[in-house]
């Protein structure tokens, strides 16, 4: 290996459980418990 370190990184995107749209917000509930909300402008 000649002193060279290497690593493999694998990213797994969480799945969407629910999408909610209101008059002013788009919210996405993820399987890992997070909720992502953005204002609709």
C-alpha atoms as a PDB file:
ATOM      1  CA  UNK A   1       0.000   0.000   0.000  1.00  0.00           C
ATOM      2  CA  UNK A   2       3.033   2.277   0.112  1.00  0.00           C
ATOM      3  CA  UNK A   3       1.636   4.242   3.078  1.00  0.00           C
ATOM      4  CA  UNK A   4      -1.347   5.492   1.060  1.00  0.00           C
ATOM      5  CA  UNK A   5      -4.640   5.424   2.898  1.00  0.00           C
ATOM      6  CA  UNK A   6      -7.850   4.945   1.006  1.00  0.00           C
ATOM      7  CA  UNK A   7     -11.488   4.820   1.989  1.00  0.00           C
ATOM      8  CA  UNK A   8     -14.729   4.073   0.276  1.00  0.00           C
ATOM      9  CA  UNK A   9     -17.689   6.251   1.251  1.00  0.00           C
ATOM     10  CA  UNK A  10     -21.182   5.170   0.344  1.00  0.00           C
ATOM     11  CA  UNK A  11     -24.070   7.587   0.688  1.00  0.00           C
ATOM     12  CA  UNK A  12     -27.601   6.315   1.116  1.00  0.00           C
ATOM     13  CA  UNK A  13     -30.326   8.881   0.676  1.00  0.00           C
ATOM     14  CA  UNK A  14     -33.232   8.496   3.101  1.00  0.00           C
ATOM     15  CA  UNK A  15     -36.590   7.645   1.599  1.00  0.00           C
ATOM     16  CA  UNK A  16     -39.546   9.995   1.648  1.00  0.00           C
ATOM     17  CA  UNK A  17     -42.433   9.005   3.931  1.00  0.00           C
ATOM     18  CA  UNK A  18     -44.793  11.900   3.292  1.00  0.00           C
ATOM     19  CA  UNK A  19     -45.028  15.150   1.326  1.00  0.00           C
ATOM     20  CA  UNK A  20     -47.257  17.966   2.572  1.00  0.00           C
ATOM     21  CA  UNK A  21     -48.081  21.142   0.659  1.00  0.00           C
ATOM     22  CA  UNK A  22     -49.842  24.069   2.319  1.00  0.00           C
ATOM     23  CA  UNK A  23     -50.505  27.579   1.023  1.00  0.00           C
ATOM     24  CA  UNK A  24     -47.027  28.709   2.033  1.00  0.00           C
ATOM     25  CA  UNK A  25     -44.884  25.600   2.754  1.00  0.00           C
ATOM     26  CA  UNK A  26     -43.639  22.397   1.123  1.00  0.00           C
ATOM     27  CA  UNK A  27     -42.662  19.802   3.749  1.00  0.00           C
ATOM     28  CA  UNK A  28     -41.060  16.396   3.245  1.00  0.00           C
ATOM     29  CA  UNK A  29     -40.972  13.818   6.060  1.00  0.00           C
ATOM     30  CA  UNK A  30     -38.032  11.407   5.730  1.00  0.00           C
ATOM     31  CA  UNK A  31     -37.784   7.837   7.008  1.00  0.00           C
ATOM     32  CA  UNK A  32     -34.968   8.777   9.390  1.00  0.00           C
ATOM     33  CA  UNK A  33     -37.249  11.145  11.312  1.00  0.00           C
ATOM     34  CA  UNK A  34     -36.163  14.416   9.755  1.00  0.00           C
ATOM     35  CA  UNK A  35     -38.556  16.882   8.163  1.00  0.00           C
ATOM     36  CA  UNK A  36     -37.386  19.282   5.485  1.00  0.00           C
ATOM     37  CA  UNK A  37     -39.584  22.346   4.943  1.00  0.00           C
ATOM     38  CA  UNK A  38     -39.215  25.168   2.452  1.00  0.00           C
ATOM     39  CA  UNK A  39     -41.346  28.241   1.948  1.00  0.00           C
ATOM     40  CA  UNK A  40     -43.250  28.529  -1.287  1.00  0.00           C
ATOM     41  CA  UNK A  41     -42.739  32.012  -2.632  1.00  0.00           C
END
